[in-house]
Protein backbone atom coordinates (compact mmCIF):
# COMPACT_ATOMS: atom_id res chain seq x y z
CA MET A 1 -23.97 18.02 12.49
CA LEU A 2 -20.96 18.82 15.06
CA ILE A 3 -17.73 19.37 13.93
CA ASN A 4 -15.03 19.97 16.82
CA VAL A 5 -12.23 22.49 16.59
CA ASN A 6 -9.35 19.65 16.34
CA SER A 7 -11.31 18.30 13.46
CA LEU A 8 -10.98 21.54 11.39
CA SER A 9 -7.31 22.09 12.84
CA ALA A 10 -6.54 19.10 11.27
CA ILE A 11 -7.99 19.65 7.85
CA VAL A 12 -6.82 23.26 7.61
CA GLU A 13 -3.32 21.64 8.44
CA LEU A 14 -3.84 19.32 5.75
CA VAL A 15 -4.54 21.94 3.01
CA MET A 16 -1.71 24.33 4.08
CA LYS A 17 0.67 21.54 4.25
CA SER A 18 -0.34 20.70 0.37
CA LYS A 19 0.45 24.16 -0.38
CA GLY A 20 4.13 23.97 1.12
CA VAL A 21 3.12 26.38 4.49
CA ASP A 22 5.17 25.13 7.79
CA ARG A 23 3.11 24.03 10.48
CA GLN A 24 4.76 26.03 12.91
CA ILE A 25 3.55 29.02 11.56
CA VAL A 26 -0.24 28.18 12.31
CA SER A 27 -0.94 29.58 15.42
CA PHE A 28 -3.65 28.37 17.80
CA VAL A 29 -5.55 31.72 17.61
CA GLY A 30 -5.59 31.55 13.60
CA VAL A 31 -6.58 27.90 13.91
CA VAL A 32 -9.78 29.13 16.13
CA MET A 33 -10.29 31.72 13.61
CA LEU A 34 -10.32 29.51 10.88
CA ALA A 35 -12.72 27.11 12.24
CA VAL A 36 -15.45 29.90 12.99
CA ILE A 37 -14.90 30.93 9.19
CA MET A 38 -14.13 27.83 7.24
CA PRO A 39 -17.82 26.73 6.52
CA GLY A 40 -18.51 30.08 5.32
CA PHE A 41 -15.35 30.28 3.05
CA LEU A 42 -15.82 26.72 1.89
CA LYS A 43 -19.48 27.60 0.87
CA LEU A 44 -17.99 30.71 -0.92
CA ALA A 45 -15.37 28.54 -2.82
CA ASN A 46 -17.84 26.09 -4.16
CA ASN A 47 -19.83 29.10 -5.43
CA VAL A 48 -16.87 30.50 -7.24
CA SER A 49 -16.10 27.14 -8.41
CA ARG A 50 -19.75 26.80 -9.88
CA LEU A 51 -19.38 30.01 -11.87
CA TRP A 52 -16.07 29.05 -12.97
CA VAL A 53 -17.02 25.55 -14.04
CA GLY A 54 -19.92 27.13 -16.14
CA ALA A 55 -21.34 25.19 -18.98
CA GLU A 56 -18.03 22.92 -18.92
CA GLY A 57 -20.13 20.61 -16.51
CA ARG A 58 -21.62 20.30 -12.98
CA LEU A 59 -19.89 19.93 -9.76
CA ALA A 60 -20.44 17.03 -7.23
CA SER A 61 -22.10 16.77 -4.02
CA ILE A 62 -21.78 13.20 -3.10
CA SER A 63 -24.28 11.00 -0.77
CA ILE A 64 -23.90 8.03 0.38
CA ASP A 65 -26.89 6.13 2.28
CA VAL A 66 -25.06 3.90 4.49
CA THR A 67 -28.01 1.38 5.33
CA ARG A 68 -28.39 0.13 1.58
CA PRO A 69 -25.64 -1.91 0.27
CA LEU A 70 -26.14 -2.70 -3.41
CA GLY A 71 -24.56 -6.14 -3.34
CA THR A 72 -21.17 -7.22 -4.23
CA LEU A 73 -18.93 -4.75 -5.14
CA PRO A 74 -17.50 -5.31 -8.90
CA ARG A 75 -13.82 -5.47 -8.55
CA VAL A 76 -12.82 -4.70 -12.43
CA TRP A 77 -9.64 -3.37 -11.75
CA GLU A 78 -8.09 -6.67 -10.45
CA GLY A 79 -6.44 -7.23 -13.96
CA LEU A 80 -2.78 -6.35 -14.46
CA ALA A 81 -1.26 -6.81 -18.12
CA GLN A 82 2.27 -7.18 -19.25
CA GLY A 83 3.49 -6.54 -22.82
CA GLY A 84 6.51 -7.60 -24.77
CA GLU A 85 9.01 -6.31 -21.82
CA ASN A 86 10.81 -8.99 -19.76
CA LEU A 87 8.16 -11.34 -19.89
CA GLN A 88 10.32 -14.15 -18.18
CA GLY A 89 11.57 -11.96 -15.44
CA PHE A 90 9.05 -9.61 -14.85
CA MET A 91 7.03 -12.01 -12.26
CA ARG A 92 9.94 -12.24 -10.02
CA GLU A 93 10.70 -8.50 -9.98
CA ALA A 94 7.35 -7.57 -9.35
CA ALA A 95 5.90 -10.37 -7.36
CA THR A 96 6.08 -8.52 -3.73
CA ASP A 97 4.36 -5.14 -5.02
CA ALA A 98 1.78 -6.90 -7.45
CA ALA A 99 0.51 -9.02 -4.62
CA LYS A 100 -0.45 -6.01 -2.66
CA LEU A 101 -3.02 -5.16 -5.34
CA LYS A 102 -4.64 -8.44 -5.17
CA PRO A 103 -4.98 -9.10 -8.96
CA LYS A 104 -7.26 -12.08 -9.74
CA TYR A 105 -5.51 -12.12 -13.38
CA ILE A 106 -2.49 -11.13 -15.27
CA ARG A 107 -2.41 -10.73 -18.97
CA ILE A 108 0.55 -11.54 -21.15
CA ASP A 109 0.98 -11.78 -24.74
CA HIS A 110 4.02 -13.08 -26.76
CA ILE A 111 3.85 -16.53 -25.11
CA TYR A 112 4.60 -18.62 -28.22
CA ASP A 113 7.83 -16.35 -29.47
CA GLU A 114 8.84 -15.52 -26.16
CA PHE A 115 8.79 -19.01 -24.18
CA GLY A 116 10.01 -21.40 -26.87
CA VAL A 117 6.69 -23.75 -26.37
CA VAL A 118 6.19 -25.11 -29.80
CA SER A 119 8.99 -26.75 -32.26
CA ARG A 120 8.82 -29.01 -34.93
CA ASN A 121 10.43 -32.43 -35.09
CA GLY A 122 9.18 -33.91 -38.69
CA GLU A 123 6.19 -33.56 -39.30
CA ARG A 124 5.22 -33.43 -35.87
CA LEU A 125 4.68 -30.64 -33.38
CA GLU A 126 6.56 -30.73 -30.10
CA PHE A 127 5.71 -28.65 -27.29
CA ASP A 128 7.67 -27.35 -24.13
CA PHE A 129 5.85 -25.29 -21.74
CA SER A 130 8.42 -25.60 -18.76
CA LYS A 131 9.43 -21.66 -19.41
CA LEU A 132 5.86 -20.46 -19.65
CA ASP A 133 5.05 -22.64 -16.48
CA LYS A 134 7.50 -20.65 -14.34
CA THR A 135 5.88 -17.44 -15.13
CA VAL A 136 2.72 -18.77 -14.34
CA ASN A 137 3.26 -20.54 -11.14
CA GLN A 138 4.58 -17.13 -9.97
CA MET A 139 1.45 -15.53 -10.60
CA VAL A 140 -0.14 -18.57 -8.86
CA GLU A 141 1.88 -17.84 -5.77
CA ILE A 142 0.42 -14.57 -5.20
CA GLY A 143 -3.07 -15.38 -6.06
CA ALA A 144 -3.79 -14.46 -9.52
CA LYS A 145 -4.57 -16.78 -12.60
CA PRO A 146 -2.98 -16.45 -16.04
CA PHE A 147 -4.93 -14.61 -19.06
CA PHE A 148 -3.32 -15.91 -22.05
CA SER A 149 -3.21 -13.85 -25.45
CA LEU A 150 -2.47 -16.58 -27.91
CA SER A 151 0.24 -14.99 -29.73
CA TYR A 152 2.21 -14.85 -31.73
CA MET A 153 2.75 -17.39 -34.46
CA PRO A 154 5.22 -19.99 -33.64
CA LEU A 155 7.89 -19.93 -36.27
CA ALA A 156 7.59 -23.97 -36.34
CA ILE A 157 4.20 -23.36 -38.23
CA SER A 158 4.35 -19.84 -39.57
CA SER A 159 4.28 -19.03 -43.16
CA GLY A 160 6.87 -16.24 -42.39
CA ASP A 161 7.62 -14.70 -39.19
CA ILE A 162 5.37 -14.58 -35.85
CA LEU A 163 3.16 -12.39 -37.39
CA SER A 164 2.07 -14.23 -40.39
CA GLU A 165 -0.79 -16.88 -40.66
CA PRO A 166 0.34 -20.73 -40.36
CA ARG A 167 1.42 -22.72 -43.24
CA ASN A 168 -1.50 -25.32 -42.08
CA TRP A 169 -4.35 -23.92 -40.32
CA ASN A 170 -4.83 -27.33 -38.44
CA ASP A 171 -1.33 -26.75 -36.88
CA TRP A 172 -2.89 -23.55 -35.27
CA SER A 173 -5.47 -25.55 -33.70
CA GLU A 174 -3.20 -28.14 -32.42
CA VAL A 175 -1.45 -25.19 -30.71
CA VAL A 176 -4.43 -23.65 -29.09
CA GLU A 177 -5.56 -27.05 -28.12
CA ARG A 178 -2.31 -28.30 -26.50
CA THR A 179 -2.00 -24.89 -24.81
CA ILE A 180 -5.64 -25.34 -23.43
CA ASN A 181 -5.19 -28.86 -22.32
CA HIS A 182 -1.71 -28.36 -20.45
CA TYR A 183 -3.17 -25.30 -18.31
CA SER A 184 -6.67 -25.93 -17.78
CA GLY A 185 -5.86 -29.83 -17.93
CA GLU A 186 -2.81 -30.73 -16.66
CA LEU A 187 -2.16 -28.20 -14.12
CA GLY A 188 -5.53 -28.15 -13.71
CA ILE A 189 -5.92 -24.24 -13.15
CA GLU A 190 -9.53 -23.16 -13.39
CA ASN A 191 -11.27 -20.42 -15.16
CA VAL A 192 -7.91 -19.63 -17.17
CA TYR A 193 -8.73 -16.82 -20.09
CA TYR A 194 -7.89 -17.77 -23.74
CA GLU A 195 -7.93 -14.66 -26.02
CA VAL A 196 -6.77 -15.29 -29.84
CA TRP A 197 -4.23 -12.77 -30.42
CA ASN A 198 -3.08 -9.06 -29.40
CA GLU A 199 -3.90 -6.52 -31.44
CA PRO A 200 -4.54 -8.11 -34.39
CA ASP A 201 -5.33 -4.99 -36.56
CA LEU A 202 -1.86 -3.65 -35.40
CA PHE A 203 0.27 -6.69 -34.88
CA GLY A 204 0.05 -8.87 -38.41
CA ARG A 205 -2.39 -6.30 -39.95
CA TRP A 206 -5.34 -8.73 -39.53
CA LYS A 207 -8.61 -7.54 -41.42
CA MET A 208 -12.17 -8.49 -41.13
CA GLY A 209 -12.20 -10.09 -44.52
CA GLY A 210 -9.57 -10.25 -47.47
CA LYS A 211 -6.69 -12.24 -47.47
CA LYS A 212 -5.66 -11.91 -44.11
CA ASP A 213 -8.53 -12.60 -42.48
CA TYR A 214 -8.73 -12.54 -38.56
CA LYS A 215 -11.97 -14.73 -38.62
CA ASN A 216 -9.95 -17.27 -40.05
CA LEU A 217 -7.21 -17.08 -36.96
CA TYR A 218 -10.54 -17.09 -34.50
CA TYR A 219 -12.12 -20.16 -36.44
CA PHE A 220 -9.43 -22.47 -36.26
CA ALA A 221 -8.26 -21.26 -32.90
CA ALA A 222 -11.98 -22.00 -31.54
CA ARG A 223 -11.75 -25.41 -33.28
CA GLY A 224 -8.78 -26.41 -31.16
CA ALA A 225 -10.35 -25.24 -27.91
CA GLU A 226 -13.36 -27.70 -28.92
CA LYS A 227 -11.26 -30.74 -29.21
CA THR A 228 -9.75 -30.14 -25.57
CA SER A 229 -10.41 -32.89 -23.20
CA ASN A 230 -10.49 -33.55 -19.37
CA VAL A 231 -10.04 -29.69 -18.49
CA LYS A 232 -11.37 -27.66 -16.14
CA PRO A 233 -13.74 -24.48 -16.92
CA PHE A 234 -11.73 -22.07 -19.17
CA LYS A 235 -12.80 -18.98 -20.94
CA PHE A 236 -12.41 -18.31 -24.35
CA GLY A 237 -12.66 -15.37 -26.88
CA GLY A 238 -11.28 -12.37 -28.22
CA PRO A 239 -10.23 -10.31 -30.52
CA ALA A 240 -8.11 -7.54 -28.50
CA ILE A 241 -8.17 -5.16 -31.09
CA THR A 242 -6.50 -1.71 -30.50
CA GLY A 243 -9.81 -0.07 -30.33
CA LEU A 244 -13.64 -0.37 -30.88
CA TYR A 245 -13.92 -0.20 -34.44
CA LYS A 246 -17.20 -0.52 -36.25
CA ASN A 247 -16.16 -2.56 -38.78
CA TRP A 248 -14.84 -5.32 -36.61
CA ILE A 249 -17.96 -5.24 -34.37
CA ASP A 250 -20.45 -5.77 -37.07
CA ASN A 251 -18.35 -8.34 -38.98
CA PHE A 252 -17.41 -10.71 -36.08
CA PHE A 253 -20.29 -11.16 -34.28
CA PRO A 254 -22.21 -12.34 -37.24
CA TYR A 255 -19.60 -14.58 -37.94
CA VAL A 256 -19.44 -15.90 -34.80
CA LEU A 257 -23.26 -16.48 -34.71
CA LYS A 258 -23.17 -18.27 -38.42
CA ASN A 259 -20.65 -20.56 -37.47
CA ARG A 260 -21.70 -21.23 -33.76
CA LEU A 261 -18.04 -20.56 -32.47
CA ARG A 262 -17.21 -20.35 -28.74
CA MET A 263 -17.03 -16.66 -27.26
CA ASP A 264 -17.08 -16.41 -23.79
CA PHE A 265 -15.49 -13.07 -23.69
CA PHE A 266 -15.22 -10.31 -26.20
CA SER A 267 -12.19 -8.24 -25.75
CA TRP A 268 -10.87 -4.54 -26.84
CA HIS A 269 -8.18 -2.33 -26.05
CA ARG A 270 -8.84 1.42 -25.22
CA TYR A 271 -6.20 4.22 -24.60
CA ASP A 272 -7.96 7.49 -24.13
CA LEU A 273 -7.56 10.56 -22.18
CA ASN A 274 -11.15 10.80 -22.24
CA SER A 275 -12.68 8.92 -19.66
CA ASP A 276 -16.51 9.07 -21.01
CA GLN A 277 -14.95 7.13 -24.24
CA TYR A 278 -14.76 3.66 -22.11
CA GLY A 279 -18.59 3.78 -21.36
CA LYS A 280 -19.19 4.67 -25.02
CA ASP A 281 -17.43 1.53 -26.17
CA ILE A 282 -19.22 -0.64 -23.24
CA ALA A 283 -22.59 0.84 -24.78
CA SER A 284 -21.34 -0.25 -28.66
CA VAL A 285 -20.45 -3.77 -27.58
CA ASP A 286 -23.91 -4.31 -25.46
CA LYS A 287 -25.95 -3.41 -28.89
CA TRP A 288 -24.96 -6.71 -30.27
CA ILE A 289 -24.57 -9.06 -27.20
CA GLU A 290 -28.13 -7.97 -26.48
CA SER A 291 -29.34 -8.09 -29.96
CA GLN A 292 -28.93 -12.18 -29.73
CA PRO A 293 -29.41 -14.49 -27.25
CA TYR A 294 -26.49 -16.41 -28.62
CA PHE A 295 -24.42 -13.96 -26.83
CA SER A 296 -26.53 -13.30 -23.48
CA GLY A 297 -23.35 -14.60 -21.30
CA VAL A 298 -20.46 -13.43 -23.17
CA GLU A 299 -18.53 -11.27 -21.00
CA LYS A 300 -16.84 -7.84 -21.58
CA ILE A 301 -13.20 -7.24 -20.84
CA ILE A 302 -10.92 -4.42 -21.82
CA SER A 303 -7.83 -6.11 -22.19
CA GLU A 304 -5.79 -3.26 -21.86
CA MET A 305 -6.22 -0.01 -21.08
CA GLY A 306 -4.57 3.42 -19.65
CA PRO A 307 -4.19 6.86 -20.17
CA LYS A 308 -2.02 7.13 -23.46
CA SER A 309 -0.36 3.97 -25.77
CA ASP A 310 2.71 5.63 -25.86
CA ALA A 311 4.82 5.23 -22.75
CA GLY A 312 5.88 8.07 -20.21
CA GLY A 313 3.65 11.24 -19.85
CA GLU A 314 0.49 11.02 -18.11
CA ASN A 315 1.11 7.21 -17.59
CA ASP A 316 3.45 8.18 -15.06
CA THR A 317 1.69 11.20 -13.30
CA MET A 318 -1.09 12.14 -11.11
CA ALA A 319 -3.13 12.85 -14.00
CA GLY A 320 -2.57 9.02 -14.95
CA ALA A 321 -3.83 8.02 -11.24
CA ALA A 322 -7.12 10.26 -11.35
CA HIS A 323 -7.57 8.89 -14.83
CA LEU A 324 -7.58 5.40 -13.72
CA ILE A 325 -10.22 5.89 -10.80
CA SER A 326 -12.04 7.69 -13.27
CA ILE A 327 -12.32 4.77 -15.94
CA ASN A 328 -12.91 2.25 -13.18
CA ARG A 329 -15.90 4.07 -12.00
CA GLU A 330 -16.85 4.64 -15.83
CA ILE A 331 -17.00 0.67 -16.27
CA LEU A 332 -17.62 -0.61 -12.97
CA THR A 333 -21.13 -2.24 -13.86
CA GLY A 334 -20.27 -2.69 -17.93
CA VAL A 335 -17.37 -5.23 -17.97
CA ARG A 336 -16.00 -8.05 -16.21
CA TYR A 337 -12.12 -6.72 -15.96
CA GLY A 338 -10.55 -3.96 -17.57
CA PHE A 339 -6.72 -4.82 -17.27
CA ASN A 340 -4.45 -1.79 -16.16
CA PHE A 341 -1.18 -1.88 -18.39
CA ALA A 342 1.58 -2.46 -17.50
CA VAL A 343 3.13 -3.92 -14.77
CA THR A 344 6.86 -3.58 -15.21
CA GLY A 345 9.00 -1.72 -17.72
CA ARG A 346 8.47 1.61 -19.90
CA TRP A 347 4.65 0.97 -19.30
CA GLY A 348 5.21 -0.31 -15.60
CA ILE A 349 3.00 1.28 -13.05
CA LEU A 350 5.19 -0.13 -10.36
CA GLY A 351 6.55 3.16 -8.06
CA LYS A 352 4.24 5.31 -9.61
CA PRO A 353 0.93 7.14 -8.93
CA ARG A 354 -1.54 4.70 -10.82
CA TYR A 355 0.27 2.05 -8.66
CA GLN A 356 -0.99 3.61 -5.63
CA ALA A 357 -4.02 4.66 -7.05
CA LEU A 358 -4.99 0.48 -7.65
CA GLU A 359 -3.82 0.07 -4.10
CA PHE A 360 -6.26 2.48 -2.91
CA LEU A 361 -9.10 0.60 -4.82
CA SER A 362 -7.64 -3.02 -3.43
CA ARG A 363 -8.78 -1.64 0.09
CA LEU A 364 -12.11 -0.95 -0.90
CA GLY A 365 -14.39 -3.48 1.13
CA PRO A 366 -16.76 -6.34 -0.44
CA LEU A 367 -20.05 -4.69 -0.31
CA ARG A 368 -20.64 -1.96 -2.88
CA MET A 369 -22.86 1.22 -1.15
CA PRO A 370 -25.20 3.63 -3.12
CA LEU A 371 -23.77 6.94 -4.12
CA THR A 372 -25.24 9.69 -5.74
CA GLY A 373 -24.03 13.45 -6.90
CA GLU A 374 -20.76 12.64 -8.76
CA GLY A 375 -20.16 15.63 -11.06
CA SER A 376 -18.48 16.13 -14.22
CA PHE A 377 -15.03 15.98 -12.86
CA VAL A 378 -15.24 14.33 -9.70
CA LYS A 379 -15.85 10.47 -9.49
CA ALA A 380 -15.96 8.10 -6.47
CA ILE A 381 -16.62 4.42 -5.58
CA ALA A 382 -18.12 3.79 -2.20
CA ALA A 383 -17.83 0.10 -0.28
CA LYS A 384 -18.62 -1.20 3.15
CA ASN A 385 -16.18 -3.54 5.11
CA GLY A 386 -17.58 -4.54 8.20
CA ASN A 387 -18.75 -1.59 9.86
CA LYS A 388 -16.23 0.86 7.81
CA ILE A 389 -17.58 2.80 5.23
CA GLN A 390 -14.81 3.49 2.61
CA ILE A 391 -14.39 5.85 -0.36
CA VAL A 392 -12.22 6.51 -3.17
CA VAL A 393 -12.64 10.15 -4.88
CA SER A 394 -11.27 11.39 -7.62
CA ASN A 395 -11.20 14.84 -9.05
CA TYR A 396 -9.90 14.14 -13.22
CA ASP A 397 -9.38 16.72 -15.69
CA SER A 398 -7.28 16.32 -18.68
CA LYS A 399 -6.43 19.78 -19.29
CA GLY A 400 -5.17 19.97 -15.62
CA ILE A 401 -6.86 22.97 -14.21
CA HIS A 402 -10.39 21.88 -12.58
CA THR A 403 -10.48 22.19 -8.94
CA GLU A 404 -13.45 22.19 -6.50
CA VAL A 405 -14.59 21.46 -3.00
CA VAL A 406 -16.77 18.12 -2.67
CA PRO A 407 -19.25 18.00 -0.11
CA ILE A 408 -19.64 14.20 0.99
CA SER A 409 -22.67 13.26 3.23
CA LEU A 410 -23.27 9.89 4.88
CA LEU A 411 -26.71 9.35 5.33
CA GLY A 412 -28.89 6.91 7.38
CA LEU A 413 -26.31 7.19 10.51
CA THR A 414 -27.05 4.96 13.87
CA ASN A 415 -23.79 6.08 15.44
CA GLN A 416 -23.00 9.68 16.28
CA LYS A 417 -19.28 9.62 16.61
CA PHE A 418 -16.50 8.33 14.08
CA LEU A 419 -12.87 8.26 13.18
CA MET A 420 -12.35 9.82 9.89
CA THR A 421 -9.31 8.77 7.74
CA THR A 422 -8.18 10.74 4.89
CA GLN A 423 -5.09 9.79 2.17
CA LEU A 424 -4.40 12.07 -0.66
CA LEU A 425 -2.43 10.14 -3.14
CA GLY A 426 1.04 10.36 -2.60
CA GLN A 427 0.69 11.40 0.87
CA GLU A 428 0.43 10.17 4.62
CA PRO A 429 -3.12 9.18 6.06
CA ARG A 430 -4.54 11.54 8.46
CA THR A 431 -7.03 10.64 11.32
CA ILE A 432 -9.28 12.89 12.85
CA ARG A 433 -12.52 12.58 15.29
CA MET A 434 -15.74 13.62 14.16
CA ALA A 435 -19.05 13.41 15.69
CA THR A 436 -22.63 14.50 14.69
CA SER A 437 -26.26 15.07 16.57
CA GLU A 438 -28.00 13.69 13.37
CA ALA A 439 -28.55 10.71 11.24
CA ILE A 440 -26.55 12.59 9.04
CA MET A 441 -23.20 13.84 8.63
CA GLN A 442 -21.37 15.93 5.94
CA VAL A 443 -17.40 16.88 5.47
CA ASN A 444 -16.11 18.92 2.88
CA ILE A 445 -13.27 17.62 0.72
CA PRO A 446 -10.68 20.40 -1.29
CA MET A 447 -9.47 18.44 -4.40
CA SER A 448 -7.09 20.16 -6.68
CA SER A 449 -6.73 19.10 -10.18
CA ASN A 450 -5.95 15.44 -10.76
CA SER A 451 -5.97 14.58 -7.28
CA VAL A 452 -6.86 11.40 -5.69
CA ILE A 453 -8.08 11.00 -1.89
CA TRP A 454 -8.93 7.68 -0.04
CA ILE A 455 -11.55 8.40 2.82
CA GLU A 456 -13.02 5.67 5.84
CA PHE A 457 -15.30 6.42 8.27
CA VAL A 458 -14.93 3.86 11.42
CA PRO A 459 -17.97 4.23 13.76
CA GLN A 460 -16.83 4.85 17.47
CA GLU A 461 -19.12 4.02 20.93
């Protein structure tokens, strides 16, 4: 492998710039000296890091075989979620920035109480979707589709407030039926998702059993979905609980099976700084889905996720960005979508590090590349876009202390010259020339705690 002095000079400058050292004080002689000692320095740094990490985990040494694409890259991050803040205006405010993330779906709740959809005229229910249509049309304009949380209870049919049961369960069935008929039928939008309620264990204190039983809410919603006609394909499911609670799983799946209810997807929420928890959730759900042929086609969806459920804090920091990459790597092959919360408002990602992390992911090409050698802290996703090899790497540490130098090797090369573009999250991209005389090339990437980097290799003639 050959790396020229200019390549090392650019890397050194990038490292020193991140430490606040002025470029002018780096002399040509200094650069040449660093070019000589850098390989040994990086090896020493990694050895020190290995001693420091100790029993806490393993360091990364990433390898990518460029000759063996694994197939289509699952784009689990292409879902955004908005809560109850500015629902009628958030798409107008966020359209341009949201479009850059290329979302396939945008989830919204409060569709009945915020948009005035349902009213009563005597014994007859009346429906006005015009306000909700404006928001949906703005989604469609940027290439996204709606993911509806069927919430909350319309006052026109409620026995109390928007979190109460309906006076008549058949009215709730009709509301769901008319909603699906409108968006999947009259407007003809394919593959809209309809999710029964939002965080029922919190909003309404619904239970699995007892007087206020979520199973009733789901049962009559499913009956409404069955009555729809002349509609495009759509997805129906739930329960969108605040966490993956054993009592809910152990009671909900058997109930759906016993009553042969429609369930195209099973959804839950997860806010947790521990990125490993997201994978544990998936394993728990898989036990039920894999236990019965009836559930064989059920998708798994995390319909809200983030570092913390409270606004601010890690949600708005570099740690939040590194966390986002780490959890998307964790769920990459386990779920259909993971919806990052939220678009705008106090939880909003616009203008914050998590937004740029999603923008990095949105750049990845369509083919997933095999990647080995991730560590306890460092996670990565590799893709191929034409002849370009692209990698997003995250060094996430909830304690904010772990650093390491990450070796990244490309295997099976047929080209010997490359342009390598690197971009640390929050900084401008840098491009350097690299060359190798072998079928393998390695670069060493210094990563501070909770840093995220975009790397792209473009072959040159």
